[in-house]
Each structure stands twice: as structure tokens, then as C-alpha cells.
Amino acid sequence: MGLECELKYLDVDLRALSHHLQESGGVRVGKYFESNIVFDYPDRSLRDAGILLRLREKQGKAVLTVKRPPEQEGPAALKVFEEIESVVDEFDTVKKALEVVGFHVAFAYEKVREKWEFLECAVCLDRLPFGEYVEIEGAEDAVFRCASVLGLDGVSTSKETYYDLNIEYRREKGLAPDENFMFSSSQREVIFKEIGKE
């Protein structure tokens, strides 16, 4: 259990940034497709309390995560959560167990993440159905130093979750409200081919 401190950078050219990281000595951890289900009680009381209960599948592994506001304040410039996370054996079994004890699927989402380690930070290049983002996680001074070296000074930032950014995107585009953000089957097919070639 620990604090997750991060900041999102908006509308970034992920291909160019991936090349920059490689040229600058970053260590590429991997690129993978993520499928996520977020659970809540029917009254959405977890959301109202700022708590996230998520089951994620990536690279054939299932990961159960709880995020909640920290008991002690973190850096004001970053999004800060206390994160409790564990690999679990079977995605479908854990999903069923959560539903049996009263949770239900609140929404689902997908993303492609290319993860790097650079300047004491985790740098995540994230492609979502509604845009491309960079998430930098680390200590406050390290996050801003890392972003500066990567040429992200002056780029718009956000402490919002991808859930909130999706809601905002749909509102701005005049789209019907939808908490889910999933790739189409044709997009998913292209993504799997792309990842398979790497």
C-alpha cells in the first residue's frame, strides 16, 4: 500500500514522445492493452466517497485495485491517491465474487498503455477511445523535472481521472452521456495487431 502521485498531460503526440524517451535513455517497460471494470454499490456510494474499486486485465493477468483519498495530504499540484493493489488468479472468478457480495459493474473502460521508466518517474503513454494522454507518476519535483526534459512545459495538464475526462469530452462534443469508454471491435483488432508486431 502506498501513495500514487501523478499528473496527466493532455493532447500529446505519443509517437514522438516514445521516440524522445528512447533517445533520452528511458527504459521501456512494455506496451499492452488494458480492459478495466469498475465496481460500486447500486447507490454509487464508493464514487461519492472518492473510492475506486477496479478489476483490470492486462497481458493475461488480473489485478484488483482499490484507490482512495489519502489520510495525509500529498502534493497539491498532483493527483494523489492511496493505492492498494494485488494480482489475482482469475478475472471472471473475482468478478463473480464481487457481484455476490453486493457490488455491481458501474462502468467499463479500455486503454492502450506504453510504460517507461525515466528520471525516477513512471511515464505512461496512454491511448484511449477519446484521446491521447501522458501520465507521469513520481515525487512532485521529479514529475515536473521529467516533464520538462520531455518538452512538456506549457502543455495543458489535468488531475482529473480518465473517467472525468471522458465525461467532459462527451459533453464538449455534444455526445450522449456514457460512463463507459471502449474501443470499437475494428479499433481493437488494429490495436492487437500493432502490439503483436512489437
C-alpha atoms as a PDB file:
ATOM      1  CA  MET A   1       0.000   0.000   0.000  1.00  0.00           C
ATOM      2  CA  GLY A   2       1.370   3.428  -0.942  1.00  0.00           C
ATOM      3  CA  LEU A   3       0.584   6.844  -2.335  1.00  0.00           C
ATOM      4  CA  GLU A   4       0.139   7.284  -6.059  1.00  0.00           C
ATOM      5  CA  CYS A   5       1.116  10.822  -7.087  1.00  0.00           C
ATOM      6  CA  GLU A   6       0.612  11.714 -10.729  1.00  0.00           C
ATOM      7  CA  LEU A   7      -0.255  14.344 -13.294  1.00  0.00           C
ATOM      8  CA  LYS A   8      -1.776  13.951 -16.757  1.00  0.00           C
ATOM      9  CA  TYR A   9      -0.531  15.873 -19.800  1.00  0.00           C
ATOM     10  CA  LEU A  10      -3.165  16.401 -22.486  1.00  0.00           C
ATOM     11  CA  ASP A  11      -3.090  16.196 -26.294  1.00  0.00           C
ATOM     12  CA  VAL A  12       0.453  14.875 -26.627  1.00  0.00           C
ATOM     13  CA  ASP A  13       1.989  13.227 -29.705  1.00  0.00           C
ATOM     14  CA  LEU A  14       2.610   9.766 -28.233  1.00  0.00           C
ATOM     15  CA  ARG A  15       4.741   8.501 -31.107  1.00  0.00           C
ATOM     16  CA  ALA A  16       7.084  11.484 -30.920  1.00  0.00           C
ATOM     17  CA  LEU A  17       7.280  11.225 -27.137  1.00  0.00           C
ATOM     18  CA  SER A  18       8.055   7.484 -27.298  1.00  0.00           C
ATOM     19  CA  HIS A  19      10.956   8.268 -29.633  1.00  0.00           C
ATOM     20  CA  HIS A  20      12.129  11.073 -27.318  1.00  0.00           C
ATOM     21  CA  LEU A  21      12.108   8.722 -24.332  1.00  0.00           C
ATOM     22  CA  GLN A  22      14.129   6.148 -26.246  1.00  0.00           C
ATOM     23  CA  GLU A  23      16.670   8.754 -27.373  1.00  0.00           C
ATOM     24  CA  SER A  24      16.921  10.173 -23.845  1.00  0.00           C
ATOM     25  CA  GLY A  25      17.743   6.863 -22.165  1.00  0.00           C
ATOM     26  CA  GLY A  26      14.306   5.899 -20.880  1.00  0.00           C
ATOM     27  CA  VAL A  27      13.675   2.248 -20.049  1.00  0.00           C
ATOM     28  CA  ARG A  28      10.642   0.830 -21.856  1.00  0.00           C
ATOM     29  CA  VAL A  29       8.698  -1.462 -19.550  1.00  0.00           C
ATOM     30  CA  GLY A  30       6.194  -2.588 -22.161  1.00  0.00           C
ATOM     31  CA  LYS A  31       3.134  -1.789 -24.249  1.00  0.00           C
ATOM     32  CA  TYR A  32      -0.164  -3.502 -23.569  1.00  0.00           C
ATOM     33  CA  PHE A  33      -3.928  -3.368 -23.868  1.00  0.00           C
ATOM     34  CA  GLU A  34      -5.924  -2.904 -20.670  1.00  0.00           C
ATOM     35  CA  SER A  35      -9.527  -3.908 -20.022  1.00  0.00           C
ATOM     36  CA  ASN A  36     -10.999  -2.445 -16.832  1.00  0.00           C
ATOM     37  CA  ILE A  37     -14.225  -2.908 -14.871  1.00  0.00           C
ATOM     38  CA  VAL A  38     -15.104  -0.516 -12.054  1.00  0.00           C
ATOM     39  CA  PHE A  39     -17.419  -1.772  -9.315  1.00  0.00           C
ATOM     40  CA  ASP A  40     -19.657   0.125  -6.921  1.00  0.00           C
ATOM     41  CA  TYR A  41     -22.727  -0.370  -4.790  1.00  0.00           C
ATOM     42  CA  PRO A  42     -26.056   0.357  -6.527  1.00  0.00           C
ATOM     43  CA  ASP A  43     -26.246   3.764  -4.785  1.00  0.00           C
ATOM     44  CA  ARG A  44     -22.734   4.652  -6.080  1.00  0.00           C
ATOM     45  CA  SER A  45     -21.551   5.278  -2.524  1.00  0.00           C
ATOM     46  CA  LEU A  46     -17.950   4.333  -3.362  1.00  0.00           C
ATOM     47  CA  ARG A  47     -17.817   7.016  -6.045  1.00  0.00           C
ATOM     48  CA  ASP A  48     -19.358   9.558  -3.686  1.00  0.00           C
ATOM     49  CA  ALA A  49     -16.632   8.753  -1.137  1.00  0.00           C
ATOM     50  CA  GLY A  50     -13.897   9.121  -3.773  1.00  0.00           C
ATOM     51  CA  ILE A  51     -13.111   5.380  -3.698  1.00  0.00           C
ATOM     52  CA  LEU A  52     -12.346   3.310  -6.785  1.00  0.00           C
ATOM     53  CA  LEU A  53     -12.723  -0.487  -6.828  1.00  0.00           C
ATOM     54  CA  ARG A  54     -11.325  -1.782 -10.107  1.00  0.00           C
ATOM     55  CA  LEU A  55     -10.629  -5.141 -11.708  1.00  0.00           C
ATOM     56  CA  ARG A  56      -8.146  -4.920 -14.588  1.00  0.00           C
ATOM     57  CA  GLU A  57      -6.988  -7.454 -17.139  1.00  0.00           C
ATOM     58  CA  LYS A  58      -3.685  -6.880 -18.930  1.00  0.00           C
ATOM     59  CA  GLN A  59      -1.124  -9.195 -20.509  1.00  0.00           C
ATOM     60  CA  GLY A  60      -3.127 -12.210 -19.345  1.00  0.00           C
ATOM     61  CA  LYS A  61      -3.051 -11.105 -15.692  1.00  0.00           C
ATOM     62  CA  ALA A  62      -5.863  -9.846 -13.483  1.00  0.00           C
ATOM     63  CA  VAL A  63      -5.222  -7.063 -10.980  1.00  0.00           C
ATOM     64  CA  LEU A  64      -7.600  -5.914  -8.237  1.00  0.00           C
ATOM     65  CA  THR A  65      -7.119  -2.305  -7.148  1.00  0.00           C
ATOM     66  CA  VAL A  66      -8.638  -0.018  -4.545  1.00  0.00           C
ATOM     67  CA  LYS A  67      -7.862   3.699  -4.681  1.00  0.00           C
ATOM     68  CA  ARG A  68      -8.998   6.107  -2.004  1.00  0.00           C
ATOM     69  CA  PRO A  69      -8.178   9.644  -0.870  1.00  0.00           C
ATOM     70  CA  PRO A  70      -5.072   9.618   1.347  1.00  0.00           C
ATOM     71  CA  GLU A  71      -5.287  10.161   5.084  1.00  0.00           C
ATOM     72  CA  GLN A  72      -2.443  12.674   4.854  1.00  0.00           C
ATOM     73  CA  GLU A  73      -2.227  15.415   2.270  1.00  0.00           C
ATOM     74  CA  GLY A  74       0.068  14.941  -0.698  1.00  0.00           C
ATOM     75  CA  PRO A  75       1.495  17.418  -3.225  1.00  0.00           C
ATOM     76  CA  ALA A  76      -1.246  19.875  -4.166  1.00  0.00           C
ATOM     77  CA  ALA A  77      -0.055  20.078  -7.787  1.00  0.00           C
ATOM     78  CA  LEU A  78      -0.542  16.338  -8.346  1.00  0.00           C
ATOM     79  CA  LYS A  79      -3.432  13.908  -8.154  1.00  0.00           C
ATOM     80  CA  VAL A  80      -2.826  11.829  -5.025  1.00  0.00           C
ATOM     81  CA  PHE A  81      -4.498   8.562  -4.017  1.00  0.00           C
ATOM     82  CA  GLU A  82      -3.719   5.805  -1.609  1.00  0.00           C
ATOM     83  CA  GLU A  83      -3.471   2.666  -3.730  1.00  0.00           C
ATOM     84  CA  ILE A  84      -3.957  -0.935  -2.624  1.00  0.00           C
ATOM     85  CA  GLU A  85      -3.288  -3.418  -5.400  1.00  0.00           C
ATOM     86  CA  SER A  86      -2.809  -7.150  -5.871  1.00  0.00           C
ATOM     87  CA  VAL A  87      -2.560  -9.634  -8.720  1.00  0.00           C
ATOM     88  CA  VAL A  88      -5.424 -12.145  -8.523  1.00  0.00           C
ATOM     89  CA  ASP A  89      -5.719 -15.578 -10.127  1.00  0.00           C
ATOM     90  CA  GLU A  90      -8.860 -15.467 -12.237  1.00  0.00           C
ATOM     91  CA  PHE A  91     -10.575 -12.362 -13.634  1.00  0.00           C
ATOM     92  CA  ASP A  92     -14.017 -13.961 -14.067  1.00  0.00           C
ATOM     93  CA  THR A  93     -13.961 -15.618 -10.630  1.00  0.00           C
ATOM     94  CA  VAL A  94     -13.058 -12.375  -8.859  1.00  0.00           C
ATOM     95  CA  LYS A  95     -15.735 -10.503 -10.840  1.00  0.00           C
ATOM     96  CA  LYS A  96     -18.349 -13.022  -9.765  1.00  0.00           C
ATOM     97  CA  ALA A  97     -17.191 -12.895  -6.129  1.00  0.00           C
ATOM     98  CA  LEU A  98     -17.513  -9.100  -6.050  1.00  0.00           C
ATOM     99  CA  GLU A  99     -21.015  -9.295  -7.501  1.00  0.00           C
ATOM    100  CA  VAL A 100     -22.050 -11.967  -4.978  1.00  0.00           C
ATOM    101  CA  VAL A 101     -21.160  -9.678  -2.055  1.00  0.00           C
ATOM    102  CA  GLY A 102     -23.229  -6.796  -3.436  1.00  0.00           C
ATOM    103  CA  PHE A 103     -21.071  -4.863  -5.889  1.00  0.00           C
ATOM    104  CA  HIS A 104     -22.189  -4.262  -9.449  1.00  0.00           C
ATOM    105  CA  VAL A 105     -20.383  -3.100 -12.566  1.00  0.00           C
ATOM    106  CA  ALA A 106     -20.641   0.695 -12.629  1.00  0.00           C
ATOM    107  CA  PHE A 107     -18.743   1.171 -15.890  1.00  0.00           C
ATOM    108  CA  ALA A 108     -16.018  -0.327 -18.044  1.00  0.00           C
ATOM    109  CA  TYR A 109     -13.162   1.184 -19.992  1.00  0.00           C
ATOM    110  CA  GLU A 110     -10.182   0.280 -22.156  1.00  0.00           C
ATOM    111  CA  LYS A 111      -6.839   1.822 -22.959  1.00  0.00           C
ATOM    112  CA  VAL A 112      -3.507   1.083 -24.568  1.00  0.00           C
ATOM    113  CA  ARG A 113      -0.589   1.890 -22.281  1.00  0.00           C
ATOM    114  CA  GLU A 114       3.086   2.152 -23.190  1.00  0.00           C
ATOM    115  CA  LYS A 115       5.035   2.390 -19.949  1.00  0.00           C
ATOM    116  CA  TRP A 116       8.521   3.824 -19.443  1.00  0.00           C
ATOM    117  CA  GLU A 117      10.826   4.482 -16.507  1.00  0.00           C
ATOM    118  CA  PHE A 118      12.606   7.816 -16.789  1.00  0.00           C
ATOM    119  CA  LEU A 119      14.209  10.213 -14.300  1.00  0.00           C
ATOM    120  CA  GLU A 120      12.767   8.438 -11.221  1.00  0.00           C
ATOM    121  CA  CYS A 121       9.261   8.519 -12.689  1.00  0.00           C
ATOM    122  CA  ALA A 122       6.853   6.140 -14.351  1.00  0.00           C
ATOM    123  CA  VAL A 123       5.856   7.689 -17.679  1.00  0.00           C
ATOM    124  CA  CYS A 124       2.706   6.186 -19.198  1.00  0.00           C
ATOM    125  CA  LEU A 125       1.751   6.958 -22.789  1.00  0.00           C
ATOM    126  CA  ASP A 126      -1.984   6.264 -22.828  1.00  0.00           C
ATOM    127  CA  ARG A 127      -4.243   5.947 -25.856  1.00  0.00           C
ATOM    128  CA  LEU A 128      -7.942   5.992 -25.003  1.00  0.00           C
ATOM    129  CA  PRO A 129     -11.016   5.964 -27.256  1.00  0.00           C
ATOM    130  CA  PHE A 130     -11.333   9.729 -26.798  1.00  0.00           C
ATOM    131  CA  GLY A 131      -7.716  10.904 -26.976  1.00  0.00           C
ATOM    132  CA  GLU A 132      -4.021  10.533 -26.196  1.00  0.00           C
ATOM    133  CA  TYR A 133      -2.517  11.426 -22.821  1.00  0.00           C
ATOM    134  CA  VAL A 134       0.694  11.129 -20.864  1.00  0.00           C
ATOM    135  CA  GLU A 135       0.557  10.268 -17.178  1.00  0.00           C
ATOM    136  CA  ILE A 136       3.701  10.906 -15.139  1.00  0.00           C
ATOM    137  CA  GLU A 137       3.903   9.360 -11.694  1.00  0.00           C
ATOM    138  CA  GLY A 138       6.504  10.138  -9.055  1.00  0.00           C
ATOM    139  CA  ALA A 139       7.534  12.683  -6.430  1.00  0.00           C
ATOM    140  CA  GLU A 140       6.366  16.236  -7.190  1.00  0.00           C
ATOM    141  CA  ASP A 141       9.769  17.659  -8.124  1.00  0.00           C
ATOM    142  CA  ALA A 142      10.616  14.542 -10.165  1.00  0.00           C
ATOM    143  CA  VAL A 143       7.351  14.759 -12.139  1.00  0.00           C
ATOM    144  CA  PHE A 144       7.971  18.344 -13.207  1.00  0.00           C
ATOM    145  CA  ARG A 145      11.665  17.743 -13.940  1.00  0.00           C
ATOM    146  CA  CYS A 146      10.753  14.711 -16.047  1.00  0.00           C
ATOM    147  CA  ALA A 147       8.053  16.638 -17.926  1.00  0.00           C
ATOM    148  CA  SER A 148      10.463  19.499 -18.618  1.00  0.00           C
ATOM    149  CA  VAL A 149      13.149  17.198 -20.028  1.00  0.00           C
ATOM    150  CA  LEU A 150      10.493  15.592 -22.255  1.00  0.00           C
ATOM    151  CA  GLY A 151       9.479  19.006 -23.620  1.00  0.00           C
ATOM    152  CA  LEU A 152       6.087  19.075 -21.936  1.00  0.00           C
ATOM    153  CA  ASP A 153       6.440  22.512 -20.335  1.00  0.00           C
ATOM    154  CA  GLY A 154       3.439  24.582 -21.391  1.00  0.00           C
ATOM    155  CA  VAL A 155       1.307  21.537 -22.256  1.00  0.00           C
ATOM    156  CA  SER A 156      -2.116  21.509 -20.606  1.00  0.00           C
ATOM    157  CA  THR A 157      -2.321  19.287 -17.534  1.00  0.00           C
ATOM    158  CA  SER A 158      -5.097  17.704 -15.503  1.00  0.00           C
ATOM    159  CA  LYS A 159      -5.506  15.977 -12.146  1.00  0.00           C
ATOM    160  CA  GLU A 160      -8.818  14.506 -13.296  1.00  0.00           C
ATOM    161  CA  THR A 161      -9.366  10.782 -13.767  1.00  0.00           C
ATOM    162  CA  TYR A 162      -9.889   9.308 -17.217  1.00  0.00           C
ATOM    163  CA  TYR A 163     -13.498   8.751 -16.152  1.00  0.00           C
ATOM    164  CA  ASP A 164     -13.932  12.508 -15.622  1.00  0.00           C
ATOM    165  CA  LEU A 165     -12.063  13.364 -18.831  1.00  0.00           C
ATOM    166  CA  ASN A 166     -14.390  11.048 -20.770  1.00  0.00           C
ATOM    167  CA  ILE A 167     -17.474  12.716 -19.303  1.00  0.00           C
ATOM    168  CA  GLU A 168     -16.031  16.146 -20.156  1.00  0.00           C
ATOM    169  CA  TYR A 169     -15.107  15.057 -23.696  1.00  0.00           C
ATOM    170  CA  ARG A 170     -18.616  13.751 -24.388  1.00  0.00           C
ATOM    171  CA  ARG A 171     -20.165  16.932 -23.023  1.00  0.00           C
ATOM    172  CA  GLU A 172     -17.905  19.149 -25.183  1.00  0.00           C
ATOM    173  CA  LYS A 173     -18.656  17.102 -28.310  1.00  0.00           C
ATOM    174  CA  GLY A 174     -22.399  17.090 -27.691  1.00  0.00           C
ATOM    175  CA  LEU A 175     -22.454  13.299 -27.332  1.00  0.00           C
ATOM    176  CA  ALA A 176     -24.956  11.380 -25.253  1.00  0.00           C
ATOM    177  CA  PRO A 177     -23.795  10.751 -21.673  1.00  0.00           C
ATOM    178  CA  ASP A 178     -21.960   7.424 -21.274  1.00  0.00           C
ATOM    179  CA  GLU A 179     -19.704   6.436 -18.408  1.00  0.00           C
ATOM    180  CA  ASN A 180     -18.102   3.671 -20.472  1.00  0.00           C
ATOM    181  CA  PHE A 181     -15.240   4.310 -22.881  1.00  0.00           C
ATOM    182  CA  MET A 182     -14.384   1.326 -25.039  1.00  0.00           C
ATOM    183  CA  PHE A 183     -12.688   0.860 -28.401  1.00  0.00           C
ATOM    184  CA  SER A 184     -14.772  -0.455 -31.285  1.00  0.00           C
ATOM    185  CA  SER A 185     -14.139  -4.030 -32.403  1.00  0.00           C
ATOM    186  CA  SER A 186     -12.323  -2.779 -35.530  1.00  0.00           C
ATOM    187  CA  GLN A 187     -10.143  -0.444 -33.441  1.00  0.00           C
ATOM    188  CA  ARG A 188      -9.373  -3.300 -31.054  1.00  0.00           C
ATOM    189  CA  GLU A 189      -8.335  -5.527 -33.946  1.00  0.00           C
ATOM    190  CA  VAL A 190      -5.871  -2.900 -35.211  1.00  0.00           C
ATOM    191  CA  ILE A 191      -4.516  -2.375 -31.688  1.00  0.00           C
ATOM    192  CA  PHE A 192      -3.886  -6.093 -31.138  1.00  0.00           C
ATOM    193  CA  LYS A 193      -2.062  -6.358 -34.484  1.00  0.00           C
ATOM    194  CA  GLU A 194       0.034  -3.304 -33.634  1.00  0.00           C
ATOM    195  CA  ILE A 195       1.001  -4.623 -30.201  1.00  0.00           C
ATOM    196  CA  GLY A 196       1.658  -8.100 -31.614  1.00  0.00           C
ATOM    197  CA  LYS A 197       4.251  -6.709 -34.037  1.00  0.00           C
ATOM    198  CA  GLU A 198       6.307  -5.135 -31.242  1.00  0.00           C
END
